[in-house]
Amino acid sequence: MSEIKKRGNNERLIFYITEEEVQEIANKKLFRSLDDFELKIVAKEVESAFTSDLEAVLDVAIEDACNTEKQ
């Protein structure tokens, strides 16, 4: 599911992802489990400036979550 939100003069495309979709992506990334990076993006909005490549957006979000967890 996605929606378009207005912020000032900027429109942002917001993607909402389910836990099942995140699990599928985590499996592709060969993580042992969702607990490995405490998926902070499960109930979080993943924002993209009108991209059709949702997987690339999620890759960045997952990488971000992993980097945050390491700090």
PDB file of N, CA and C in Angstrom:
ATOM      1  N   MET A   1       0.845  -1.170   0.000  1.00  0.00           N
ATOM      2  CA  MET A   1       0.000   0.000   0.000  1.00  0.00           C
ATOM      3  C   MET A   1       0.893   1.236   0.000  1.00  0.00           C
ATOM      4  N   SER A   2       0.485   2.255  -0.691  1.00  0.00           N
ATOM      5  CA  SER A   2       1.257   3.492  -0.697  1.00  0.00           C
ATOM      6  C   SER A   2       0.291   4.669  -0.770  1.00  0.00           C
ATOM      7  N   GLU A   3       0.793   5.820  -0.478  1.00  0.00           N
ATOM      8  CA  GLU A   3      -0.017   7.024  -0.575  1.00  0.00           C
ATOM      9  C   GLU A   3       0.912   8.195  -0.853  1.00  0.00           C
ATOM     10  N   ILE A   4       0.326   9.262  -1.324  1.00  0.00           N
ATOM     11  CA  ILE A   4       1.107  10.468  -1.582  1.00  0.00           C
ATOM     12  C   ILE A   4       0.759  11.486  -0.506  1.00  0.00           C
ATOM     13  N   LYS A   5       1.776  12.055   0.114  1.00  0.00           N
ATOM     14  CA  LYS A   5       1.564  13.086   1.139  1.00  0.00           C
ATOM     15  C   LYS A   5       2.179  14.389   0.665  1.00  0.00           C
ATOM     16  N   LYS A   6       1.562  15.466   1.021  1.00  0.00           N
ATOM     17  CA  LYS A   6       2.074  16.792   0.696  1.00  0.00           C
ATOM     18  C   LYS A   6       2.804  17.361   1.903  1.00  0.00           C
ATOM     19  N   ARG A   7       3.987  17.887   1.712  1.00  0.00           N
ATOM     20  CA  ARG A   7       4.716  18.608   2.748  1.00  0.00           C
ATOM     21  C   ARG A   7       5.204  19.903   2.119  1.00  0.00           C
ATOM     22  N   GLY A   8       4.561  20.972   2.434  1.00  0.00           N
ATOM     23  CA  GLY A   8       4.922  22.236   1.797  1.00  0.00           C
ATOM     24  C   GLY A   8       4.685  22.120   0.305  1.00  0.00           C
ATOM     25  N   ASN A   9       5.722  22.396  -0.466  1.00  0.00           N
ATOM     26  CA  ASN A   9       5.612  22.281  -1.921  1.00  0.00           C
ATOM     27  C   ASN A   9       6.047  20.916  -2.429  1.00  0.00           C
ATOM     28  N   ASN A  10       6.485  20.056  -1.519  1.00  0.00           N
ATOM     29  CA  ASN A  10       7.020  18.755  -1.930  1.00  0.00           C
ATOM     30  C   ASN A  10       5.987  17.655  -1.745  1.00  0.00           C
ATOM     31  N   GLU A  11       5.863  16.791  -2.746  1.00  0.00           N
ATOM     32  CA  GLU A  11       5.044  15.601  -2.620  1.00  0.00           C
ATOM     33  C   GLU A  11       5.971  14.429  -2.362  1.00  0.00           C
ATOM     34  N   ARG A  12       5.607  13.588  -1.419  1.00  0.00           N
ATOM     35  CA  ARG A  12       6.422  12.415  -1.107  1.00  0.00           C
ATOM     36  C   ARG A  12       5.551  11.187  -1.255  1.00  0.00           C
ATOM     37  N   LEU A  13       6.109  10.143  -1.827  1.00  0.00           N
ATOM     38  CA  LEU A  13       5.411   8.874  -1.935  1.00  0.00           C
ATOM     39  C   LEU A  13       5.796   8.046  -0.718  1.00  0.00           C
ATOM     40  N   ILE A  14       4.795   7.640   0.061  1.00  0.00           N
ATOM     41  CA  ILE A  14       5.039   6.897   1.293  1.00  0.00           C
ATOM     42  C   ILE A  14       4.653   5.439   1.063  1.00  0.00           C
ATOM     43  N   PHE A  15       5.576   4.526   1.328  1.00  0.00           N
ATOM     44  CA  PHE A  15       5.297   3.095   1.219  1.00  0.00           C
ATOM     45  C   PHE A  15       5.108   2.526   2.616  1.00  0.00           C
ATOM     46  N   TYR A  16       4.064   1.749   2.798  1.00  0.00           N
ATOM     47  CA  TYR A  16       3.859   1.042   4.061  1.00  0.00           C
ATOM     48  C   TYR A  16       4.134  -0.428   3.787  1.00  0.00           C
ATOM     49  N   ILE A  17       4.937  -1.071   4.622  1.00  0.00           N
ATOM     50  CA  ILE A  17       5.266  -2.468   4.389  1.00  0.00           C
ATOM     51  C   ILE A  17       4.824  -3.309   5.575  1.00  0.00           C
ATOM     52  N   THR A  18       4.480  -4.555   5.279  1.00  0.00           N
ATOM     53  CA  THR A  18       4.017  -5.457   6.328  1.00  0.00           C
ATOM     54  C   THR A  18       5.191  -6.238   6.896  1.00  0.00           C
ATOM     55  N   GLU A  19       4.971  -6.846   8.052  1.00  0.00           N
ATOM     56  CA  GLU A  19       6.020  -7.653   8.673  1.00  0.00           C
ATOM     57  C   GLU A  19       6.412  -8.814   7.760  1.00  0.00           C
ATOM     58  N   GLU A  20       5.426  -9.388   7.048  1.00  0.00           N
ATOM     59  CA  GLU A  20       5.710 -10.503   6.137  1.00  0.00           C
ATOM     60  C   GLU A  20       6.627 -10.053   5.001  1.00  0.00           C
ATOM     61  N   GLU A  21       6.376  -8.872   4.467  1.00  0.00           N
ATOM     62  CA  GLU A  21       7.230  -8.349   3.397  1.00  0.00           C
ATOM     63  C   GLU A  21       8.647  -8.104   3.908  1.00  0.00           C
ATOM     64  N   VAL A  22       8.752  -7.602   5.118  1.00  0.00           N
ATOM     65  CA  VAL A  22      10.077  -7.365   5.703  1.00  0.00           C
ATOM     66  C   VAL A  22      10.800  -8.689   5.915  1.00  0.00           C
ATOM     67  N   GLN A  23      10.071  -9.712   6.390  1.00  0.00           N
ATOM     68  CA  GLN A  23      10.667 -11.035   6.600  1.00  0.00           C
ATOM     69  C   GLN A  23      11.206 -11.592   5.277  1.00  0.00           C
ATOM     70  N   GLU A  24      10.438 -11.425   4.209  1.00  0.00           N
ATOM     71  CA  GLU A  24      10.863 -11.897   2.889  1.00  0.00           C
ATOM     72  C   GLU A  24      12.156 -11.192   2.458  1.00  0.00           C
ATOM     73  N   ILE A  25      12.219  -9.893   2.680  1.00  0.00           N
ATOM     74  CA  ILE A  25      13.419  -9.131   2.325  1.00  0.00           C
ATOM     75  C   ILE A  25      14.591  -9.554   3.204  1.00  0.00           C
ATOM     76  N   ALA A  26      14.333  -9.739   4.491  1.00  0.00           N
ATOM     77  CA  ALA A  26      15.387 -10.178   5.408  1.00  0.00           C
ATOM     78  C   ALA A  26      15.938 -11.533   4.974  1.00  0.00           C
ATOM     79  N   ASN A  27      15.046 -12.435   4.543  1.00  0.00           N
ATOM     80  CA  ASN A  27      15.488 -13.749   4.076  1.00  0.00           C
ATOM     81  C   ASN A  27      16.375 -13.620   2.841  1.00  0.00           C
ATOM     82  N   LYS A  28      16.018 -12.734   1.935  1.00  0.00           N
ATOM     83  CA  LYS A  28      16.833 -12.517   0.739  1.00  0.00           C
ATOM     84  C   LYS A  28      18.209 -11.983   1.108  1.00  0.00           C
ATOM     85  N   LYS A  29      18.269 -11.204   2.176  1.00  0.00           N
ATOM     86  CA  LYS A  29      19.537 -10.613   2.613  1.00  0.00           C
ATOM     87  C   LYS A  29      20.345 -11.564   3.480  1.00  0.00           C
ATOM     88  N   LEU A  30      19.798 -12.755   3.723  1.00  0.00           N
ATOM     89  CA  LEU A  30      20.477 -13.802   4.492  1.00  0.00           C
ATOM     90  C   LEU A  30      20.706 -13.427   5.952  1.00  0.00           C
ATOM     91  N   PHE A  31      19.859 -12.564   6.484  1.00  0.00           N
ATOM     92  CA  PHE A  31      19.917 -12.316   7.913  1.00  0.00           C
ATOM     93  C   PHE A  31      19.381 -13.555   8.617  1.00  0.00           C
ATOM     94  N   ARG A  32      19.876 -13.845   9.800  1.00  0.00           N
ATOM     95  CA  ARG A  32      19.397 -15.027  10.527  1.00  0.00           C
ATOM     96  C   ARG A  32      17.944 -14.862  10.948  1.00  0.00           C
ATOM     97  N   SER A  33      17.582 -13.671  11.366  1.00  0.00           N
ATOM     98  CA  SER A  33      16.192 -13.430  11.778  1.00  0.00           C
ATOM     99  C   SER A  33      15.952 -11.935  11.818  1.00  0.00           C
ATOM    100  N   LEU A  34      14.699 -11.579  12.001  1.00  0.00           N
ATOM    101  CA  LEU A  34      14.366 -10.163  12.129  1.00  0.00           C
ATOM    102  C   LEU A  34      15.060  -9.554  13.334  1.00  0.00           C
ATOM    103  N   ASP A  35      15.306 -10.351  14.367  1.00  0.00           N
ATOM    104  CA  ASP A  35      15.942  -9.838  15.579  1.00  0.00           C
ATOM    105  C   ASP A  35      17.368  -9.368  15.332  1.00  0.00           C
ATOM    106  N   ASP A  36      17.985  -9.834  14.245  1.00  0.00           N
ATOM    107  CA  ASP A  36      19.370  -9.454  13.972  1.00  0.00           C
ATOM    108  C   ASP A  36      19.529  -7.950  13.810  1.00  0.00           C
ATOM    109  N   PHE A  37      18.501  -7.294  13.360  1.00  0.00           N
ATOM    110  CA  PHE A  37      18.619  -5.839  13.262  1.00  0.00           C
ATOM    111  C   PHE A  37      17.379  -5.138  13.790  1.00  0.00           C
ATOM    112  N   GLU A  38      16.651  -5.828  14.674  1.00  0.00           N
ATOM    113  CA  GLU A  38      15.537  -5.261  15.421  1.00  0.00           C
ATOM    114  C   GLU A  38      14.599  -4.422  14.590  1.00  0.00           C
ATOM    115  N   LEU A  39      14.350  -4.816  13.406  1.00  0.00           N
ATOM    116  CA  LEU A  39      13.529  -4.115  12.421  1.00  0.00           C
ATOM    117  C   LEU A  39      12.725  -2.922  12.889  1.00  0.00           C
ATOM    118  N   LYS A  40      13.390  -1.817  12.874  1.00  0.00           N
ATOM    119  CA  LYS A  40      12.722  -0.586  13.265  1.00  0.00           C
ATOM    120  C   LYS A  40      11.842  -0.069  12.121  1.00  0.00           C
ATOM    121  N   ILE A  41      11.942  -0.718  10.956  1.00  0.00           N
ATOM    122  CA  ILE A  41      11.179  -0.221   9.813  1.00  0.00           C
ATOM    123  C   ILE A  41       9.854  -0.948   9.629  1.00  0.00           C
ATOM    124  N   VAL A  42       9.524  -1.907  10.496  1.00  0.00           N
ATOM    125  CA  VAL A  42       8.295  -2.676  10.297  1.00  0.00           C
ATOM    126  C   VAL A  42       7.073  -1.778  10.303  1.00  0.00           C
ATOM    127  N   ALA A  43       6.937  -0.967  11.344  1.00  0.00           N
ATOM    128  CA  ALA A  43       5.756  -0.119  11.437  1.00  0.00           C
ATOM    129  C   ALA A  43       6.073   1.313  11.029  1.00  0.00           C
ATOM    130  N   LYS A  44       7.234   1.500  10.425  1.00  0.00           N
ATOM    131  CA  LYS A  44       7.709   2.832  10.060  1.00  0.00           C
ATOM    132  C   LYS A  44       7.389   3.116   8.593  1.00  0.00           C
ATOM    133  N   GLU A  45       7.227   4.355   8.270  1.00  0.00           N
ATOM    134  CA  GLU A  45       7.021   4.740   6.880  1.00  0.00           C
ATOM    135  C   GLU A  45       8.368   4.744   6.167  1.00  0.00           C
ATOM    136  N   VAL A  46       8.394   4.159   4.989  1.00  0.00           N
ATOM    137  CA  VAL A  46       9.589   4.207   4.158  1.00  0.00           C
ATOM    138  C   VAL A  46       9.302   5.222   3.055  1.00  0.00           C
ATOM    139  N   GLU A  47      10.049   6.314   3.061  1.00  0.00           N
ATOM    140  CA  GLU A  47       9.769   7.392   2.122  1.00  0.00           C
ATOM    141  C   GLU A  47      10.670   7.311   0.894  1.00  0.00           C
ATOM    142  N   SER A  48      10.098   7.735  -0.227  1.00  0.00           N
ATOM    143  CA  SER A  48      10.848   7.770  -1.462  1.00  0.00           C
ATOM    144  C   SER A  48      10.326   8.910  -2.325  1.00  0.00           C
ATOM    145  N   ALA A  49      11.228   9.574  -3.004  1.00  0.00           N
ATOM    146  CA  ALA A  49      10.813  10.650  -3.893  1.00  0.00           C
ATOM    147  C   ALA A  49      10.404  10.047  -5.234  1.00  0.00           C
ATOM    148  N   PHE A  50       9.166   9.591  -5.300  1.00  0.00           N
ATOM    149  CA  PHE A  50       8.578   9.014  -6.508  1.00  0.00           C
ATOM    150  C   PHE A  50       9.481   8.004  -7.213  1.00  0.00           C
ATOM    151  N   THR A  51       9.792   6.941  -6.538  1.00  0.00           N
ATOM    152  CA  THR A  51      10.565   5.886  -7.175  1.00  0.00           C
ATOM    153  C   THR A  51       9.666   4.679  -7.375  1.00  0.00           C
ATOM    154  N   SER A  52       9.903   3.938  -8.425  1.00  0.00           N
ATOM    155  CA  SER A  52       9.120   2.717  -8.635  1.00  0.00           C
ATOM    156  C   SER A  52       9.910   1.519  -8.122  1.00  0.00           C
ATOM    157  N   ASP A  53      11.139   1.769  -7.678  1.00  0.00           N
ATOM    158  CA  ASP A  53      11.986   0.681  -7.222  1.00  0.00           C
ATOM    159  C   ASP A  53      11.901   0.554  -5.702  1.00  0.00           C
ATOM    160  N   LEU A  54      10.807  -0.039  -5.222  1.00  0.00           N
ATOM    161  CA  LEU A  54      10.575  -0.176  -3.786  1.00  0.00           C
ATOM    162  C   LEU A  54      11.669  -1.000  -3.118  1.00  0.00           C
ATOM    163  N   GLU A  55      12.159  -2.008  -3.803  1.00  0.00           N
ATOM    164  CA  GLU A  55      13.193  -2.851  -3.192  1.00  0.00           C
ATOM    165  C   GLU A  55      14.458  -2.047  -2.897  1.00  0.00           C
ATOM    166  N   ALA A  56      14.822  -1.140  -3.784  1.00  0.00           N
ATOM    167  CA  ALA A  56      15.996  -0.293  -3.547  1.00  0.00           C
ATOM    168  C   ALA A  56      15.769   0.612  -2.339  1.00  0.00           C
ATOM    169  N   VAL A  57      14.554   1.120  -2.204  1.00  0.00           N
ATOM    170  CA  VAL A  57      14.222   1.969  -1.056  1.00  0.00           C
ATOM    171  C   VAL A  57      14.345   1.157   0.225  1.00  0.00           C
ATOM    172  N   LEU A  58      13.842  -0.069   0.203  1.00  0.00           N
ATOM    173  CA  LEU A  58      13.895  -0.923   1.386  1.00  0.00           C
ATOM    174  C   LEU A  58      15.327  -1.336   1.696  1.00  0.00           C
ATOM    175  N   ASP A  59      16.141  -1.577   0.664  1.00  0.00           N
ATOM    176  CA  ASP A  59      17.557  -1.890   0.891  1.00  0.00           C
ATOM    177  C   ASP A  59      18.214  -0.781   1.702  1.00  0.00           C
ATOM    178  N   VAL A  60      17.950   0.459   1.335  1.00  0.00           N
ATOM    179  CA  VAL A  60      18.530   1.603   2.040  1.00  0.00           C
ATOM    180  C   VAL A  60      18.018   1.649   3.474  1.00  0.00           C
ATOM    181  N   ALA A  61      16.717   1.406   3.657  1.00  0.00           N
ATOM    182  CA  ALA A  61      16.136   1.441   5.006  1.00  0.00           C
ATOM    183  C   ALA A  61      16.716   0.343   5.891  1.00  0.00           C
ATOM    184  N   ILE A  62      16.897  -0.846   5.322  1.00  0.00           N
ATOM    185  CA  ILE A  62      17.466  -1.961   6.088  1.00  0.00           C
ATOM    186  C   ILE A  62      18.921  -1.676   6.434  1.00  0.00           C
ATOM    187  N   GLU A  63      19.673  -1.176   5.462  1.00  0.00           N
ATOM    188  CA  GLU A  63      21.077  -0.833   5.705  1.00  0.00           C
ATOM    189  C   GLU A  63      21.169   0.226   6.805  1.00  0.00           C
ATOM    190  N   ASP A  64      20.281   1.207   6.738  1.00  0.00           N
ATOM    191  CA  ASP A  64      20.212   2.261   7.740  1.00  0.00           C
ATOM    192  C   ASP A  64      19.944   1.682   9.125  1.00  0.00           C
ATOM    193  N   ALA A  65      18.993   0.755   9.197  1.00  0.00           N
ATOM    194  CA  ALA A  65      18.652   0.119  10.480  1.00  0.00           C
ATOM    195  C   ALA A  65      19.847  -0.661  11.022  1.00  0.00           C
ATOM    196  N   CYS A  66      20.555  -1.350  10.146  1.00  0.00           N
ATOM    197  CA  CYS A  66      21.735  -2.124  10.565  1.00  0.00           C
ATOM    198  C   CYS A  66      22.835  -1.193  11.068  1.00  0.00           C
ATOM    199  N   ASN A  67      23.076  -0.115  10.355  1.00  0.00           N
ATOM    200  CA  ASN A  67      24.117   0.829  10.753  1.00  0.00           C
ATOM    201  C   ASN A  67      23.771   1.495  12.073  1.00  0.00           C
ATOM    202  N   THR A  68      22.514   1.814  12.281  1.00  0.00           N
ATOM    203  CA  THR A  68      22.070   2.419  13.538  1.00  0.00           C
ATOM    204  C   THR A  68      22.287   1.449  14.684  1.00  0.00           C
ATOM    205  N   GLU A  69      22.004   0.172  14.445  1.00  0.00           N
ATOM    206  CA  GLU A  69      22.119  -0.860  15.475  1.00  0.00           C
ATOM    207  C   GLU A  69      23.580  -1.043  15.889  1.00  0.00           C
ATOM    208  N   LYS A  70      24.529  -0.893  14.946  1.00  0.00           N
ATOM    209  CA  LYS A  70      25.947  -1.098  15.235  1.00  0.00           C
ATOM    210  C   LYS A  70      26.532   0.020  16.083  1.00  0.00           C
ATOM    211  N   GLN A  71      25.942   1.209  16.021  1.00  0.00           N
ATOM    212  CA  GLN A  71      26.506   2.368  16.729  1.00  0.00           C
ATOM    213  C   GLN A  71      26.272   2.314  18.205  1.00  0.00           C
TER     214      GLN A  71
END
